[in-house]
Amino acid sequence: MNLEPSLDPTTYPYSHTIRVRFSETDAMGIVHHSRYLPYLEEARVEYLREIDHPYTSLRDEGFDIAVLEAAVRYRQPLRFDEQVTVHVAFGGATRTTFQMGYLLTVNGEVRATAVTVHGCVTAAGRPVRLPTWLAELGR
C-alpha cells in the first residue's frame, strides 16, 4: 500500500453519495469506524459500473476481487443523516493487484481518506492476473 489519497475532490474521476443511516451510528450519533468499509465498497462497485465494467460482468468472466488491505484515516466524524460523497480514484496496478484511493467529504469538508488494495482471484479463490482492462486503468 503506497497510495496517498488526494485531499482535493477535483482530482477524483468519480464520486458516489451515501446518506448516513441511524443504524450506522453509535450512541453519540457518530458513524462507527467499521461502517466506513461498506461505504468504500459501495462506491467502488458503482465506480466499476460507471466505467462499463460492473462487478457482475467481472464475476461472469470468472474473476473476483479480493480486498487484501484497507486503511482509513479518520479526520472528522461522519454523523447521522449527513450526505457523504465518496470520491474514488484508481491507483497503481501490478500484474495481480491494484489500489483504490478514496476521499470522503460532506459539503466539501474532508472527513476521511482511505486506500484499499485488491487482488484478482478465480471463483475458487486462486490468485490470477488482472484482466487487461483493469491492468490498463493503473497505467
N, C-alpha and C. Protein backbone atom coordinates (compact mmCIF):
# COMPACT_ATOMS: atom_id res chain seq x y z
N MET A 1 0.86 -1.17 0.00
CA MET A 1 0.00 0.00 0.00
C MET A 1 0.91 1.24 0.00
N ASN A 2 0.90 1.94 -1.13
CA ASN A 2 1.76 3.12 -1.22
C ASN A 2 1.03 4.34 -1.78
N LEU A 3 -0.26 4.24 -1.89
CA LEU A 3 -1.06 5.33 -2.44
C LEU A 3 -1.40 6.33 -1.35
N GLU A 4 -1.21 7.61 -1.62
CA GLU A 4 -1.61 8.67 -0.69
C GLU A 4 -2.79 9.41 -1.32
N PRO A 5 -4.00 9.19 -0.80
CA PRO A 5 -5.16 9.82 -1.42
C PRO A 5 -5.10 11.34 -1.36
N SER A 6 -5.50 11.96 -2.43
CA SER A 6 -5.52 13.42 -2.52
C SER A 6 -6.65 13.97 -1.64
N LEU A 7 -6.43 15.17 -1.11
CA LEU A 7 -7.47 15.86 -0.35
C LEU A 7 -8.29 16.79 -1.24
N ASP A 8 -7.98 16.79 -2.52
CA ASP A 8 -8.68 17.65 -3.49
C ASP A 8 -9.72 16.83 -4.25
N PRO A 9 -11.00 17.07 -4.01
CA PRO A 9 -12.04 16.28 -4.68
C PRO A 9 -11.99 16.35 -6.21
N THR A 10 -11.44 17.42 -6.77
CA THR A 10 -11.41 17.56 -8.22
C THR A 10 -10.44 16.60 -8.89
N THR A 11 -9.58 15.96 -8.12
CA THR A 11 -8.61 15.02 -8.70
C THR A 11 -9.18 13.61 -8.84
N TYR A 12 -10.40 13.40 -8.39
CA TYR A 12 -11.03 12.09 -8.45
C TYR A 12 -11.98 12.03 -9.65
N PRO A 13 -11.90 10.97 -10.44
CA PRO A 13 -12.75 10.89 -11.63
C PRO A 13 -14.20 10.49 -11.35
N TYR A 14 -14.47 10.00 -10.14
CA TYR A 14 -15.81 9.51 -9.85
C TYR A 14 -16.17 9.82 -8.41
N SER A 15 -17.45 10.07 -8.16
CA SER A 15 -17.92 10.22 -6.79
C SER A 15 -19.31 9.61 -6.65
N HIS A 16 -19.60 9.16 -5.46
CA HIS A 16 -20.87 8.50 -5.14
C HIS A 16 -21.35 9.02 -3.80
N THR A 17 -22.63 9.36 -3.70
CA THR A 17 -23.16 9.93 -2.47
C THR A 17 -23.98 8.90 -1.69
N ILE A 18 -23.74 8.89 -0.38
CA ILE A 18 -24.41 7.96 0.54
C ILE A 18 -24.96 8.78 1.71
N ARG A 19 -26.19 8.51 2.10
CA ARG A 19 -26.75 9.16 3.29
C ARG A 19 -26.52 8.25 4.50
N VAL A 20 -25.98 8.82 5.57
CA VAL A 20 -25.69 8.05 6.77
C VAL A 20 -27.00 7.61 7.44
N ARG A 21 -27.11 6.31 7.67
CA ARG A 21 -28.29 5.75 8.32
C ARG A 21 -28.09 5.72 9.84
N PHE A 22 -29.18 5.83 10.57
CA PHE A 22 -29.11 5.83 12.04
C PHE A 22 -28.43 4.57 12.56
N SER A 23 -28.71 3.43 11.93
CA SER A 23 -28.16 2.15 12.40
C SER A 23 -26.65 2.09 12.29
N GLU A 24 -26.04 3.01 11.56
CA GLU A 24 -24.58 3.02 11.38
C GLU A 24 -23.87 3.86 12.44
N THR A 25 -24.64 4.47 13.32
CA THR A 25 -24.05 5.38 14.30
C THR A 25 -24.02 4.77 15.69
N ASP A 26 -23.21 5.38 16.54
CA ASP A 26 -23.13 4.95 17.93
C ASP A 26 -24.05 5.84 18.79
N ALA A 27 -23.94 5.72 20.09
CA ALA A 27 -24.81 6.48 20.99
C ALA A 27 -24.62 7.99 20.88
N MET A 28 -23.50 8.42 20.32
CA MET A 28 -23.24 9.85 20.14
C MET A 28 -23.68 10.36 18.77
N GLY A 29 -24.28 9.46 17.95
CA GLY A 29 -24.72 9.86 16.62
C GLY A 29 -23.60 9.92 15.60
N ILE A 30 -22.46 9.33 15.94
CA ILE A 30 -21.28 9.33 15.06
C ILE A 30 -21.17 7.97 14.38
N VAL A 31 -20.83 7.98 13.11
CA VAL A 31 -20.69 6.73 12.36
C VAL A 31 -19.58 5.88 12.99
N HIS A 32 -19.91 4.63 13.26
CA HIS A 32 -18.94 3.68 13.80
C HIS A 32 -17.84 3.43 12.77
N HIS A 33 -16.62 3.30 13.24
CA HIS A 33 -15.48 3.15 12.31
C HIS A 33 -15.64 1.96 11.36
N SER A 34 -16.32 0.91 11.78
CA SER A 34 -16.48 -0.27 10.93
C SER A 34 -17.37 -0.02 9.72
N ARG A 35 -18.19 1.02 9.76
CA ARG A 35 -19.13 1.31 8.68
C ARG A 35 -18.48 2.00 7.48
N TYR A 36 -17.26 2.46 7.63
CA TYR A 36 -16.59 3.13 6.51
C TYR A 36 -16.27 2.15 5.39
N LEU A 37 -15.89 0.93 5.73
CA LEU A 37 -15.53 -0.05 4.70
C LEU A 37 -16.69 -0.36 3.77
N PRO A 38 -17.93 -0.54 4.26
CA PRO A 38 -19.05 -0.72 3.33
C PRO A 38 -19.28 0.51 2.44
N TYR A 39 -19.01 1.71 2.95
CA TYR A 39 -19.13 2.91 2.12
C TYR A 39 -18.14 2.84 0.95
N LEU A 40 -16.90 2.42 1.27
CA LEU A 40 -15.88 2.30 0.22
C LEU A 40 -16.30 1.25 -0.80
N GLU A 41 -16.81 0.13 -0.32
CA GLU A 41 -17.23 -0.94 -1.23
C GLU A 41 -18.36 -0.48 -2.14
N GLU A 42 -19.35 0.18 -1.58
CA GLU A 42 -20.47 0.65 -2.39
C GLU A 42 -19.99 1.60 -3.48
N ALA A 43 -19.11 2.53 -3.12
CA ALA A 43 -18.59 3.48 -4.10
C ALA A 43 -17.73 2.78 -5.15
N ARG A 44 -16.94 1.81 -4.73
CA ARG A 44 -16.07 1.07 -5.66
C ARG A 44 -16.90 0.29 -6.68
N VAL A 45 -17.95 -0.37 -6.22
CA VAL A 45 -18.82 -1.14 -7.11
C VAL A 45 -19.52 -0.20 -8.10
N GLU A 46 -19.98 0.95 -7.62
CA GLU A 46 -20.62 1.92 -8.51
C GLU A 46 -19.63 2.51 -9.51
N TYR A 47 -18.38 2.70 -9.08
CA TYR A 47 -17.33 3.19 -9.99
C TYR A 47 -17.14 2.18 -11.13
N LEU A 48 -17.05 0.90 -10.80
CA LEU A 48 -16.89 -0.12 -11.84
C LEU A 48 -18.06 -0.10 -12.82
N ARG A 49 -19.27 0.07 -12.29
CA ARG A 49 -20.45 0.15 -13.15
C ARG A 49 -20.34 1.38 -14.06
N GLU A 50 -19.88 2.49 -13.51
CA GLU A 50 -19.75 3.73 -14.27
C GLU A 50 -18.77 3.61 -15.43
N ILE A 51 -17.69 2.84 -15.24
CA ILE A 51 -16.70 2.68 -16.31
C ILE A 51 -17.02 1.49 -17.21
N ASP A 52 -18.25 1.04 -17.14
CA ASP A 52 -18.77 -0.01 -18.02
C ASP A 52 -18.19 -1.39 -17.75
N HIS A 53 -17.80 -1.64 -16.51
CA HIS A 53 -17.33 -2.96 -16.10
C HIS A 53 -17.98 -3.32 -14.76
N PRO A 54 -19.31 -3.50 -14.76
CA PRO A 54 -19.97 -3.82 -13.49
C PRO A 54 -19.39 -5.09 -12.87
N TYR A 55 -19.43 -5.13 -11.57
CA TYR A 55 -18.85 -6.27 -10.87
C TYR A 55 -19.46 -7.58 -11.32
N THR A 56 -20.74 -7.56 -11.67
CA THR A 56 -21.39 -8.79 -12.13
C THR A 56 -20.74 -9.32 -13.41
N SER A 57 -20.31 -8.42 -14.31
CA SER A 57 -19.66 -8.89 -15.54
C SER A 57 -18.27 -9.45 -15.23
N LEU A 58 -17.60 -8.88 -14.25
CA LEU A 58 -16.30 -9.40 -13.82
C LEU A 58 -16.48 -10.83 -13.31
N ARG A 59 -17.50 -11.05 -12.52
CA ARG A 59 -17.77 -12.38 -11.99
C ARG A 59 -18.18 -13.34 -13.11
N ASP A 60 -18.92 -12.83 -14.10
CA ASP A 60 -19.31 -13.66 -15.25
C ASP A 60 -18.08 -14.13 -16.03
N GLU A 61 -17.02 -13.33 -15.99
CA GLU A 61 -15.76 -13.69 -16.66
C GLU A 61 -14.92 -14.66 -15.82
N GLY A 62 -15.39 -15.00 -14.61
CA GLY A 62 -14.68 -15.94 -13.76
C GLY A 62 -13.74 -15.30 -12.76
N PHE A 63 -13.86 -13.98 -12.56
CA PHE A 63 -12.98 -13.27 -11.63
C PHE A 63 -13.75 -12.78 -10.42
N ASP A 64 -13.03 -12.63 -9.32
CA ASP A 64 -13.50 -11.90 -8.15
C ASP A 64 -12.37 -10.98 -7.73
N ILE A 65 -12.73 -9.95 -6.99
CA ILE A 65 -11.72 -9.02 -6.49
C ILE A 65 -11.71 -9.12 -4.98
N ALA A 66 -10.62 -9.62 -4.45
CA ALA A 66 -10.48 -9.77 -3.00
C ALA A 66 -9.81 -8.53 -2.42
N VAL A 67 -10.29 -8.09 -1.27
CA VAL A 67 -9.63 -6.99 -0.55
C VAL A 67 -8.47 -7.60 0.23
N LEU A 68 -7.26 -7.11 -0.05
CA LEU A 68 -6.07 -7.60 0.63
C LEU A 68 -5.67 -6.71 1.80
N GLU A 69 -5.89 -5.42 1.65
CA GLU A 69 -5.57 -4.45 2.70
C GLU A 69 -6.57 -3.31 2.63
N ALA A 70 -6.81 -2.69 3.77
CA ALA A 70 -7.66 -1.50 3.82
C ALA A 70 -7.14 -0.60 4.93
N ALA A 71 -7.08 0.69 4.64
CA ALA A 71 -6.65 1.67 5.64
C ALA A 71 -7.54 2.89 5.52
N VAL A 72 -8.00 3.37 6.67
CA VAL A 72 -8.83 4.56 6.70
C VAL A 72 -8.20 5.55 7.66
N ARG A 73 -8.09 6.80 7.23
CA ARG A 73 -7.63 7.88 8.10
C ARG A 73 -8.86 8.73 8.43
N TYR A 74 -9.26 8.67 9.69
CA TYR A 74 -10.45 9.40 10.14
C TYR A 74 -10.02 10.82 10.53
N ARG A 75 -10.55 11.81 9.83
CA ARG A 75 -10.16 13.20 10.07
C ARG A 75 -11.20 13.96 10.88
N GLN A 76 -12.46 13.80 10.52
CA GLN A 76 -13.60 14.39 11.23
C GLN A 76 -14.72 13.36 11.20
N PRO A 77 -15.53 13.29 12.24
CA PRO A 77 -16.57 12.25 12.25
C PRO A 77 -17.68 12.49 11.23
N LEU A 78 -18.25 11.39 10.78
CA LEU A 78 -19.48 11.42 10.00
C LEU A 78 -20.62 11.24 10.97
N ARG A 79 -21.75 11.89 10.68
CA ARG A 79 -22.88 11.87 11.61
C ARG A 79 -24.16 11.44 10.90
N PHE A 80 -25.12 10.99 11.71
CA PHE A 80 -26.41 10.55 11.22
C PHE A 80 -27.02 11.58 10.27
N ASP A 81 -27.56 11.10 9.17
CA ASP A 81 -28.31 11.83 8.16
C ASP A 81 -27.47 12.75 7.28
N GLU A 82 -26.15 12.76 7.46
CA GLU A 82 -25.31 13.54 6.55
C GLU A 82 -25.22 12.82 5.21
N GLN A 83 -25.07 13.60 4.17
CA GLN A 83 -24.83 13.03 2.85
C GLN A 83 -23.32 13.05 2.62
N VAL A 84 -22.76 11.86 2.53
CA VAL A 84 -21.31 11.70 2.38
C VAL A 84 -21.02 11.44 0.92
N THR A 85 -20.10 12.23 0.36
CA THR A 85 -19.65 11.98 -1.00
C THR A 85 -18.35 11.20 -0.92
N VAL A 86 -18.36 10.03 -1.52
CA VAL A 86 -17.17 9.18 -1.56
C VAL A 86 -16.55 9.35 -2.95
N HIS A 87 -15.41 10.02 -3.00
CA HIS A 87 -14.68 10.23 -4.24
C HIS A 87 -13.75 9.03 -4.43
N VAL A 88 -13.67 8.54 -5.66
CA VAL A 88 -12.94 7.30 -5.94
C VAL A 88 -11.94 7.52 -7.07
N ALA A 89 -10.73 7.01 -6.88
CA ALA A 89 -9.70 7.05 -7.93
C ALA A 89 -8.98 5.71 -7.97
N PHE A 90 -8.67 5.28 -9.16
CA PHE A 90 -7.90 4.05 -9.36
C PHE A 90 -6.44 4.39 -9.11
N GLY A 91 -5.76 3.58 -8.28
CA GLY A 91 -4.35 3.78 -8.01
C GLY A 91 -3.51 2.91 -8.92
N GLY A 92 -2.31 2.64 -8.52
CA GLY A 92 -1.41 1.82 -9.31
C GLY A 92 -1.83 0.37 -9.37
N ALA A 93 -1.29 -0.32 -10.36
CA ALA A 93 -1.59 -1.74 -10.53
C ALA A 93 -0.31 -2.51 -10.83
N THR A 94 -0.28 -3.74 -10.38
CA THR A 94 0.76 -4.69 -10.77
C THR A 94 0.07 -5.74 -11.64
N ARG A 95 0.75 -6.83 -11.91
CA ARG A 95 0.11 -7.88 -12.71
C ARG A 95 -1.08 -8.51 -11.98
N THR A 96 -1.02 -8.52 -10.64
CA THR A 96 -2.06 -9.24 -9.90
C THR A 96 -2.80 -8.40 -8.85
N THR A 97 -2.36 -7.17 -8.61
CA THR A 97 -3.02 -6.34 -7.59
C THR A 97 -3.23 -4.92 -8.10
N PHE A 98 -4.14 -4.22 -7.43
CA PHE A 98 -4.33 -2.80 -7.72
C PHE A 98 -4.80 -2.10 -6.46
N GLN A 99 -4.67 -0.78 -6.47
CA GLN A 99 -5.07 0.04 -5.34
C GLN A 99 -6.17 1.02 -5.75
N MET A 100 -7.01 1.37 -4.79
CA MET A 100 -8.03 2.39 -4.98
C MET A 100 -7.86 3.41 -3.87
N GLY A 101 -8.00 4.69 -4.24
CA GLY A 101 -7.93 5.76 -3.26
C GLY A 101 -9.30 6.40 -3.11
N TYR A 102 -9.58 6.88 -1.90
CA TYR A 102 -10.90 7.44 -1.59
C TYR A 102 -10.75 8.72 -0.77
N LEU A 103 -11.66 9.62 -1.00
CA LEU A 103 -11.80 10.83 -0.19
C LEU A 103 -13.27 10.93 0.18
N LEU A 104 -13.56 11.02 1.47
CA LEU A 104 -14.94 11.16 1.93
C LEU A 104 -15.16 12.59 2.40
N THR A 105 -16.16 13.24 1.81
CA THR A 105 -16.45 14.63 2.15
C THR A 105 -17.93 14.81 2.47
N VAL A 106 -18.22 15.86 3.23
CA VAL A 106 -19.58 16.30 3.49
C VAL A 106 -19.61 17.79 3.19
N ASN A 107 -20.40 18.17 2.21
CA ASN A 107 -20.46 19.58 1.77
C ASN A 107 -19.06 20.15 1.50
N GLY A 108 -18.21 19.34 0.90
CA GLY A 108 -16.87 19.78 0.54
C GLY A 108 -15.85 19.68 1.65
N GLU A 109 -16.27 19.39 2.87
CA GLU A 109 -15.34 19.27 4.00
C GLU A 109 -14.79 17.85 4.08
N VAL A 110 -13.47 17.73 4.16
CA VAL A 110 -12.83 16.42 4.24
C VAL A 110 -13.14 15.76 5.58
N ARG A 111 -13.64 14.54 5.51
CA ARG A 111 -13.94 13.78 6.72
C ARG A 111 -13.02 12.57 6.89
N ALA A 112 -12.60 11.97 5.77
CA ALA A 112 -11.73 10.79 5.85
C ALA A 112 -11.06 10.55 4.50
N THR A 113 -9.94 9.85 4.55
CA THR A 113 -9.30 9.33 3.34
C THR A 113 -9.12 7.83 3.55
N ALA A 114 -8.99 7.11 2.45
CA ALA A 114 -8.83 5.66 2.57
C ALA A 114 -8.11 5.11 1.35
N VAL A 115 -7.54 3.93 1.54
CA VAL A 115 -6.91 3.18 0.46
C VAL A 115 -7.30 1.72 0.64
N THR A 116 -7.64 1.07 -0.47
CA THR A 116 -7.83 -0.37 -0.44
C THR A 116 -6.91 -1.00 -1.48
N VAL A 117 -6.40 -2.17 -1.16
CA VAL A 117 -5.55 -2.94 -2.08
C VAL A 117 -6.31 -4.22 -2.39
N HIS A 118 -6.36 -4.56 -3.68
CA HIS A 118 -7.15 -5.69 -4.14
C HIS A 118 -6.30 -6.66 -4.95
N GLY A 119 -6.68 -7.92 -4.87
CA GLY A 119 -6.09 -8.94 -5.71
C GLY A 119 -7.18 -9.61 -6.51
N CYS A 120 -6.84 -10.03 -7.69
CA CYS A 120 -7.80 -10.71 -8.55
C CYS A 120 -7.65 -12.21 -8.31
N VAL A 121 -8.80 -12.86 -8.11
CA VAL A 121 -8.81 -14.30 -7.85
C VAL A 121 -9.89 -14.96 -8.70
N THR A 122 -9.76 -16.25 -8.86
CA THR A 122 -10.80 -17.03 -9.54
C THR A 122 -11.96 -17.23 -8.56
N ALA A 123 -13.04 -17.79 -9.05
CA ALA A 123 -14.19 -18.08 -8.19
C ALA A 123 -13.80 -19.05 -7.08
N ALA A 124 -12.76 -19.84 -7.30
CA ALA A 124 -12.27 -20.78 -6.29
C ALA A 124 -11.29 -20.13 -5.32
N GLY A 125 -10.99 -18.85 -5.53
CA GLY A 125 -10.09 -18.14 -4.62
C GLY A 125 -8.62 -18.21 -4.98
N ARG A 126 -8.29 -18.70 -6.16
CA ARG A 126 -6.88 -18.80 -6.57
C ARG A 126 -6.45 -17.49 -7.24
N PRO A 127 -5.28 -16.97 -6.89
CA PRO A 127 -4.80 -15.71 -7.49
C PRO A 127 -4.59 -15.84 -8.99
N VAL A 128 -4.97 -14.79 -9.71
CA VAL A 128 -4.78 -14.73 -11.17
C VAL A 128 -4.38 -13.31 -11.55
N ARG A 129 -3.87 -13.18 -12.77
CA ARG A 129 -3.54 -11.85 -13.29
C ARG A 129 -4.80 -11.03 -13.46
N LEU A 130 -4.62 -9.72 -13.36
CA LEU A 130 -5.74 -8.82 -13.57
C LEU A 130 -6.23 -8.91 -15.01
N PRO A 131 -7.52 -8.76 -15.24
CA PRO A 131 -8.00 -8.65 -16.63
C PRO A 131 -7.31 -7.45 -17.29
N THR A 132 -7.10 -7.52 -18.58
CA THR A 132 -6.37 -6.47 -19.31
C THR A 132 -6.95 -5.09 -19.06
N TRP A 133 -8.27 -4.94 -19.13
CA TRP A 133 -8.87 -3.61 -18.95
C TRP A 133 -8.58 -3.04 -17.57
N LEU A 134 -8.51 -3.92 -16.56
CA LEU A 134 -8.26 -3.47 -15.20
C LEU A 134 -6.79 -3.07 -15.02
N ALA A 135 -5.90 -3.85 -15.57
CA ALA A 135 -4.47 -3.51 -15.51
C ALA A 135 -4.19 -2.19 -16.21
N GLU A 136 -4.88 -1.93 -17.32
CA GLU A 136 -4.66 -0.70 -18.07
C GLU A 136 -5.14 0.54 -17.32
N LEU A 137 -6.09 0.40 -16.41
CA LEU A 137 -6.53 1.55 -15.61
C LEU A 137 -5.41 2.10 -14.75
N GLY A 138 -4.50 1.23 -14.33
CA GLY A 138 -3.40 1.63 -13.46
C GLY A 138 -2.21 2.22 -14.19
N ARG A 139 -2.27 2.28 -15.50
CA ARG A 139 -1.13 2.82 -16.27
C ARG A 139 -1.26 4.29 -16.50
